């Protein structure tokens, strides 16, 4: 197994294949949170919120930005 090192200057971009409605967000919170945990749901929501309204692709952001937002 190879090791991957992420640096704060490494970039990422969120690409979304579909938009979530309120029911989808409720299912994520009520059904999947007990299975995958709060951290995974928070990360997913953070990525989803990086998208602008009606966009399927975010700007390029750094891992430093992500870590800062997640605390």
PDB file of N, CA and C in Angstrom:
ATOM      1  N   UNK A   1       0.843  -1.174   0.000  1.00  0.00           N
ATOM      2  CA  UNK A   1       0.000   0.000   0.000  1.00  0.00           C
ATOM      3  C   UNK A   1       0.890   1.240   0.000  1.00  0.00           C
ATOM      4  N   UNK A   2       0.606   2.160  -0.889  1.00  0.00           N
ATOM      5  CA  UNK A   2       1.429   3.360  -0.985  1.00  0.00           C
ATOM      6  C   UNK A   2       0.900   4.447  -0.061  1.00  0.00           C
ATOM      7  N   UNK A   3       1.814   5.254   0.402  1.00  0.00           N
ATOM      8  CA  UNK A   3       1.472   6.350   1.295  1.00  0.00           C
ATOM      9  C   UNK A   3       1.307   7.638   0.485  1.00  0.00           C
ATOM     10  N   UNK A   4       0.282   8.408   0.812  1.00  0.00           N
ATOM     11  CA  UNK A   4       0.027   9.673   0.143  1.00  0.00           C
ATOM     12  C   UNK A   4       0.145  10.785   1.174  1.00  0.00           C
ATOM     13  N   UNK A   5       0.913  11.796   0.834  1.00  0.00           N
ATOM     14  CA  UNK A   5       1.078  12.931   1.727  1.00  0.00           C
ATOM     15  C   UNK A   5       0.389  14.147   1.115  1.00  0.00           C
ATOM     16  N   UNK A   6      -0.517  14.742   1.882  1.00  0.00           N
ATOM     17  CA  UNK A   6      -1.184  15.959   1.440  1.00  0.00           C
ATOM     18  C   UNK A   6      -0.527  17.153   2.102  1.00  0.00           C
ATOM     19  N   UNK A   7      -0.274  18.169   1.324  1.00  0.00           N
ATOM     20  CA  UNK A   7       0.315  19.402   1.830  1.00  0.00           C
ATOM     21  C   UNK A   7      -0.754  20.491   1.851  1.00  0.00           C
ATOM     22  N   UNK A   8      -0.610  21.485   2.709  1.00  0.00           N
ATOM     23  CA  UNK A   8      -1.599  22.569   2.761  1.00  0.00           C
ATOM     24  C   UNK A   8      -1.781  23.287   1.431  1.00  0.00           C
ATOM     25  N   UNK A   9      -0.764  23.302   0.595  1.00  0.00           N
ATOM     26  CA  UNK A   9      -0.862  24.006  -0.688  1.00  0.00           C
ATOM     27  C   UNK A   9      -1.496  23.156  -1.789  1.00  0.00           C
ATOM     28  N   UNK A  10      -1.728  21.854  -1.534  1.00  0.00           N
ATOM     29  CA  UNK A  10      -2.367  20.997  -2.537  1.00  0.00           C
ATOM     30  C   UNK A  10      -3.796  21.476  -2.769  1.00  0.00           C
ATOM     31  N   UNK A  11      -4.249  21.368  -4.013  1.00  0.00           N
ATOM     32  CA  UNK A  11      -5.578  21.886  -4.337  1.00  0.00           C
ATOM     33  C   UNK A  11      -6.584  20.753  -4.519  1.00  0.00           C
ATOM     34  N   UNK A  12      -7.852  21.113  -4.368  1.00  0.00           N
ATOM     35  CA  UNK A  12      -8.950  20.197  -4.663  1.00  0.00           C
ATOM     36  C   UNK A  12     -10.067  20.999  -5.308  1.00  0.00           C
ATOM     37  N   UNK A  13     -10.953  20.286  -5.968  1.00  0.00           N
ATOM     38  CA  UNK A  13     -12.096  20.916  -6.602  1.00  0.00           C
ATOM     39  C   UNK A  13     -13.291  19.985  -6.419  1.00  0.00           C
ATOM     40  N   UNK A  14     -14.416  20.546  -6.023  1.00  0.00           N
ATOM     41  CA  UNK A  14     -15.634  19.767  -5.809  1.00  0.00           C
ATOM     42  C   UNK A  14     -16.395  19.698  -7.128  1.00  0.00           C
ATOM     43  N   UNK A  15     -16.741  18.485  -7.544  1.00  0.00           N
ATOM     44  CA  UNK A  15     -17.548  18.274  -8.747  1.00  0.00           C
ATOM     45  C   UNK A  15     -18.791  17.519  -8.319  1.00  0.00           C
ATOM     46  N   UNK A  16     -19.950  18.054  -8.661  1.00  0.00           N
ATOM     47  CA  UNK A  16     -21.225  17.483  -8.251  1.00  0.00           C
ATOM     48  C   UNK A  16     -21.983  16.991  -9.474  1.00  0.00           C
ATOM     49  N   UNK A  17     -22.547  15.813  -9.378  1.00  0.00           N
ATOM     50  CA  UNK A  17     -23.301  15.238 -10.492  1.00  0.00           C
ATOM     51  C   UNK A  17     -24.788  15.576 -10.437  1.00  0.00           C
ATOM     52  N   UNK A  18     -25.292  15.953  -9.262  1.00  0.00           N
ATOM     53  CA  UNK A  18     -26.704  16.307  -9.134  1.00  0.00           C
ATOM     54  C   UNK A  18     -26.882  17.236  -7.935  1.00  0.00           C
ATOM     55  N   UNK A  19     -27.999  17.924  -7.896  1.00  0.00           N
ATOM     56  CA  UNK A  19     -28.300  18.819  -6.778  1.00  0.00           C
ATOM     57  C   UNK A  19     -29.092  18.066  -5.712  1.00  0.00           C
ATOM     58  N   UNK A  20     -28.849  18.395  -4.459  1.00  0.00           N
ATOM     59  CA  UNK A  20     -29.579  17.788  -3.350  1.00  0.00           C
ATOM     60  C   UNK A  20     -30.785  18.641  -3.000  1.00  0.00           C
ATOM     61  N   UNK A  21     -31.887  17.989  -2.707  1.00  0.00           N
ATOM     62  CA  UNK A  21     -33.038  18.730  -2.190  1.00  0.00           C
ATOM     63  C   UNK A  21     -33.087  18.552  -0.672  1.00  0.00           C
ATOM     64  N   UNK A  22     -34.053  19.164  -0.030  1.00  0.00           N
ATOM     65  CA  UNK A  22     -34.146  19.106   1.437  1.00  0.00           C
ATOM     66  C   UNK A  22     -34.348  17.678   1.942  1.00  0.00           C
ATOM     67  N   UNK A  23     -35.106  16.874   1.204  1.00  0.00           N
ATOM     68  CA  UNK A  23     -35.328  15.493   1.614  1.00  0.00           C
ATOM     69  C   UNK A  23     -34.022  14.693   1.589  1.00  0.00           C
ATOM     70  N   UNK A  24     -33.207  14.906   0.565  1.00  0.00           N
ATOM     71  CA  UNK A  24     -31.915  14.223   0.476  1.00  0.00           C
ATOM     72  C   UNK A  24     -31.024  14.568   1.664  1.00  0.00           C
ATOM     73  N   UNK A  25     -31.020  15.839   2.042  1.00  0.00           N
ATOM     74  CA  UNK A  25     -30.212  16.271   3.193  1.00  0.00           C
ATOM     75  C   UNK A  25     -30.722  15.652   4.487  1.00  0.00           C
ATOM     76  N   UNK A  26     -32.042  15.516   4.608  1.00  0.00           N
ATOM     77  CA  UNK A  26     -32.625  14.875   5.785  1.00  0.00           C
ATOM     78  C   UNK A  26     -32.222  13.406   5.856  1.00  0.00           C
ATOM     79  N   UNK A  27     -32.258  12.714   4.728  1.00  0.00           N
ATOM     80  CA  UNK A  27     -31.859  11.303   4.688  1.00  0.00           C
ATOM     81  C   UNK A  27     -30.392  11.158   5.087  1.00  0.00           C
ATOM     82  N   UNK A  28     -29.538  12.048   4.586  1.00  0.00           N
ATOM     83  CA  UNK A  28     -28.123  12.001   4.977  1.00  0.00           C
ATOM     84  C   UNK A  28     -27.969  12.127   6.485  1.00  0.00           C
ATOM     85  N   UNK A  29     -28.690  13.071   7.057  1.00  0.00           N
ATOM     86  CA  UNK A  29     -28.557  13.313   8.497  1.00  0.00           C
ATOM     87  C   UNK A  29     -29.152  12.201   9.340  1.00  0.00           C
ATOM     88  N   UNK A  30     -30.346  11.773   9.019  1.00  0.00           N
ATOM     89  CA  UNK A  30     -31.045  10.825   9.881  1.00  0.00           C
ATOM     90  C   UNK A  30     -30.647   9.364   9.639  1.00  0.00           C
ATOM     91  N   UNK A  31     -30.361   9.006   8.404  1.00  0.00           N
ATOM     92  CA  UNK A  31     -30.073   7.615   8.089  1.00  0.00           C
ATOM     93  C   UNK A  31     -28.583   7.303   8.066  1.00  0.00           C
ATOM     94  N   UNK A  32     -27.807   8.139   7.401  1.00  0.00           N
ATOM     95  CA  UNK A  32     -26.396   7.826   7.216  1.00  0.00           C
ATOM     96  C   UNK A  32     -25.493   8.306   8.340  1.00  0.00           C
ATOM     97  N   UNK A  33     -25.874   9.356   9.061  1.00  0.00           N
ATOM     98  CA  UNK A  33     -25.002   9.853  10.130  1.00  0.00           C
ATOM     99  C   UNK A  33     -24.698   8.787  11.182  1.00  0.00           C
ATOM    100  N   UNK A  34     -25.690   8.010  11.623  1.00  0.00           N
ATOM    101  CA  UNK A  34     -25.336   6.961  12.598  1.00  0.00           C
ATOM    102  C   UNK A  34     -24.392   5.899  12.035  1.00  0.00           C
ATOM    103  N   UNK A  35     -24.387   5.731  10.726  1.00  0.00           N
ATOM    104  CA  UNK A  35     -23.552   4.699  10.109  1.00  0.00           C
ATOM    105  C   UNK A  35     -22.136   5.207   9.848  1.00  0.00           C
ATOM    106  N   UNK A  36     -22.012   6.386   9.236  1.00  0.00           N
ATOM    107  CA  UNK A  36     -20.683   6.867   8.833  1.00  0.00           C
ATOM    108  C   UNK A  36     -20.110   7.920   9.767  1.00  0.00           C
ATOM    109  N   UNK A  37     -20.928   8.497  10.646  1.00  0.00           N
ATOM    110  CA  UNK A  37     -20.430   9.419  11.664  1.00  0.00           C
ATOM    111  C   UNK A  37     -20.565  10.893  11.307  1.00  0.00           C
ATOM    112  N   UNK A  38     -20.439  11.704  12.344  1.00  0.00           N
ATOM    113  CA  UNK A  38     -20.581  13.157  12.197  1.00  0.00           C
ATOM    114  C   UNK A  38     -19.492  13.773  11.336  1.00  0.00           C
ATOM    115  N   UNK A  39     -18.271  13.275  11.467  1.00  0.00           N
ATOM    116  CA  UNK A  39     -17.155  13.854  10.724  1.00  0.00           C
ATOM    117  C   UNK A  39     -17.365  13.704   9.220  1.00  0.00           C
ATOM    118  N   UNK A  40     -17.805  12.535   8.785  1.00  0.00           N
ATOM    119  CA  UNK A  40     -18.023  12.305   7.354  1.00  0.00           C
ATOM    120  C   UNK A  40     -19.150  13.182   6.823  1.00  0.00           C
ATOM    121  N   UNK A  41     -20.230  13.326   7.583  1.00  0.00           N
ATOM    122  CA  UNK A  41     -21.353  14.168   7.160  1.00  0.00           C
ATOM    123  C   UNK A  41     -20.924  15.634   7.106  1.00  0.00           C
ATOM    124  N   UNK A  42     -20.151  16.066   8.091  1.00  0.00           N
ATOM    125  CA  UNK A  42     -19.657  17.446   8.101  1.00  0.00           C
ATOM    126  C   UNK A  42     -18.759  17.710   6.903  1.00  0.00           C
ATOM    127  N   UNK A  43     -17.882  16.781   6.576  1.00  0.00           N
ATOM    128  CA  UNK A  43     -17.008  16.928   5.416  1.00  0.00           C
ATOM    129  C   UNK A  43     -17.834  16.985   4.127  1.00  0.00           C
ATOM    130  N   UNK A  44     -18.824  16.104   3.995  1.00  0.00           N
ATOM    131  CA  UNK A  44     -19.686  16.103   2.819  1.00  0.00           C
ATOM    132  C   UNK A  44     -20.416  17.442   2.684  1.00  0.00           C
ATOM    133  N   UNK A  45     -21.000  17.921   3.780  1.00  0.00           N
ATOM    134  CA  UNK A  45     -21.719  19.203   3.747  1.00  0.00           C
ATOM    135  C   UNK A  45     -20.782  20.366   3.426  1.00  0.00           C
ATOM    136  N   UNK A  46     -19.574  20.313   3.932  1.00  0.00           N
ATOM    137  CA  UNK A  46     -18.600  21.361   3.638  1.00  0.00           C
ATOM    138  C   UNK A  46     -18.283  21.376   2.145  1.00  0.00           C
ATOM    139  N   UNK A  47     -18.052  20.200   1.580  1.00  0.00           N
ATOM    140  CA  UNK A  47     -17.804  20.126   0.141  1.00  0.00           C
ATOM    141  C   UNK A  47     -19.009  20.631  -0.646  1.00  0.00           C
ATOM    142  N   UNK A  48     -20.198  20.209  -0.256  1.00  0.00           N
ATOM    143  CA  UNK A  48     -21.412  20.618  -0.977  1.00  0.00           C
ATOM    144  C   UNK A  48     -21.617  22.129  -0.901  1.00  0.00           C
ATOM    145  N   UNK A  49     -21.298  22.719   0.241  1.00  0.00           N
ATOM    146  CA  UNK A  49     -21.476  24.164   0.404  1.00  0.00           C
ATOM    147  C   UNK A  49     -20.429  24.974  -0.356  1.00  0.00           C
ATOM    148  N   UNK A  50     -19.354  24.336  -0.804  1.00  0.00           N
ATOM    149  CA  UNK A  50     -18.363  25.022  -1.623  1.00  0.00           C
ATOM    150  C   UNK A  50     -18.912  25.348  -3.012  1.00  0.00           C
ATOM    151  N   UNK A  51     -19.962  24.642  -3.410  1.00  0.00           N
ATOM    152  CA  UNK A  51     -20.562  24.884  -4.714  1.00  0.00           C
ATOM    153  C   UNK A  51     -21.423  26.139  -4.654  1.00  0.00           C
ATOM    154  N   UNK A  52     -21.348  26.930  -5.666  1.00  0.00           N
ATOM    155  CA  UNK A  52     -22.212  28.088  -5.768  1.00  0.00           C
ATOM    156  C   UNK A  52     -23.592  27.615  -6.230  1.00  0.00           C
ATOM    157  N   UNK A  53     -24.600  28.450  -6.093  1.00  0.00           N
ATOM    158  CA  UNK A  53     -25.956  28.078  -6.501  1.00  0.00           C
ATOM    159  C   UNK A  53     -25.976  27.701  -7.987  1.00  0.00           C
ATOM    160  N   UNK A  54     -26.571  26.552  -8.269  1.00  0.00           N
ATOM    161  CA  UNK A  54     -26.741  26.041  -9.631  1.00  0.00           C
ATOM    162  C   UNK A  54     -25.427  25.754 -10.358  1.00  0.00           C
ATOM    163  N   UNK A  55     -24.342  25.587  -9.629  1.00  0.00           N
ATOM    164  CA  UNK A  55     -23.074  25.190 -10.247  1.00  0.00           C
ATOM    165  C   UNK A  55     -22.780  23.750  -9.886  1.00  0.00           C
ATOM    166  N   UNK A  56     -22.117  23.075 -10.794  1.00  0.00           N
ATOM    167  CA  UNK A  56     -21.747  21.689 -10.552  1.00  0.00           C
ATOM    168  C   UNK A  56     -20.259  21.530 -10.291  1.00  0.00           C
ATOM    169  N   UNK A  57     -19.514  22.653 -10.289  1.00  0.00           N
ATOM    170  CA  UNK A  57     -18.085  22.579 -10.059  1.00  0.00           C
ATOM    171  C   UNK A  57     -17.644  23.797  -9.246  1.00  0.00           C
ATOM    172  N   UNK A  58     -16.863  23.555  -8.218  1.00  0.00           N
ATOM    173  CA  UNK A  58     -16.388  24.657  -7.377  1.00  0.00           C
ATOM    174  C   UNK A  58     -15.106  25.248  -7.952  1.00  0.00           C
ATOM    175  N   UNK A  59     -14.687  26.336  -7.377  1.00  0.00           N
ATOM    176  CA  UNK A  59     -13.368  26.879  -7.684  1.00  0.00           C
ATOM    177  C   UNK A  59     -12.312  25.940  -7.112  1.00  0.00           C
ATOM    178  N   UNK A  60     -11.068  26.089  -7.563  1.00  0.00           N
ATOM    179  CA  UNK A  60      -9.982  25.315  -6.973  1.00  0.00           C
ATOM    180  C   UNK A  60      -9.655  25.908  -5.605  1.00  0.00           C
ATOM    181  N   UNK A  61      -9.610  25.045  -4.601  1.00  0.00           N
ATOM    182  CA  UNK A  61      -9.340  25.459  -3.230  1.00  0.00           C
ATOM    183  C   UNK A  61      -8.179  24.639  -2.687  1.00  0.00           C
ATOM    184  N   UNK A  62      -7.537  25.146  -1.647  1.00  0.00           N
ATOM    185  CA  UNK A  62      -6.409  24.430  -1.054  1.00  0.00           C
ATOM    186  C   UNK A  62      -6.861  23.617   0.155  1.00  0.00           C
ATOM    187  N   UNK A  63      -6.065  22.626   0.506  1.00  0.00           N
ATOM    188  CA  UNK A  63      -6.355  21.847   1.704  1.00  0.00           C
ATOM    189  C   UNK A  63      -6.252  22.717   2.957  1.00  0.00           C
ATOM    190  N   UNK A  64      -5.425  23.745   2.909  1.00  0.00           N
ATOM    191  CA  UNK A  64      -5.345  24.680   4.033  1.00  0.00           C
ATOM    192  C   UNK A  64      -6.706  25.332   4.260  1.00  0.00           C
ATOM    193  N   UNK A  65      -7.377  25.719   3.189  1.00  0.00           N
ATOM    194  CA  UNK A  65      -8.714  26.301   3.273  1.00  0.00           C
ATOM    195  C   UNK A  65      -9.688  25.306   3.926  1.00  0.00           C
ATOM    196  N   UNK A  66      -9.629  24.048   3.519  1.00  0.00           N
ATOM    197  CA  UNK A  66     -10.515  23.015   4.062  1.00  0.00           C
ATOM    198  C   UNK A  66     -10.263  22.793   5.555  1.00  0.00           C
ATOM    199  N   UNK A  67      -9.006  22.654   5.935  1.00  0.00           N
ATOM    200  CA  UNK A  67      -8.657  22.407   7.342  1.00  0.00           C
ATOM    201  C   UNK A  67      -9.045  23.614   8.197  1.00  0.00           C
ATOM    202  N   UNK A  68      -8.857  24.806   7.677  1.00  0.00           N
ATOM    203  CA  UNK A  68      -9.242  26.004   8.409  1.00  0.00           C
ATOM    204  C   UNK A  68     -10.740  26.065   8.631  1.00  0.00           C
ATOM    205  N   UNK A  69     -11.521  25.721   7.610  1.00  0.00           N
ATOM    206  CA  UNK A  69     -12.973  25.726   7.748  1.00  0.00           C
ATOM    207  C   UNK A  69     -13.480  24.670   8.709  1.00  0.00           C
ATOM    208  N   UNK A  70     -12.845  23.519   8.730  1.00  0.00           N
ATOM    209  CA  UNK A  70     -13.282  22.430   9.606  1.00  0.00           C
ATOM    210  C   UNK A  70     -12.736  22.564  11.028  1.00  0.00           C
ATOM    211  N   UNK A  71     -11.779  23.453  11.218  1.00  0.00           N
ATOM    212  CA  UNK A  71     -11.225  23.662  12.553  1.00  0.00           C
ATOM    213  C   UNK A  71     -10.300  22.543  12.937  1.00  0.00           C
TER     214      UNK A  71
END
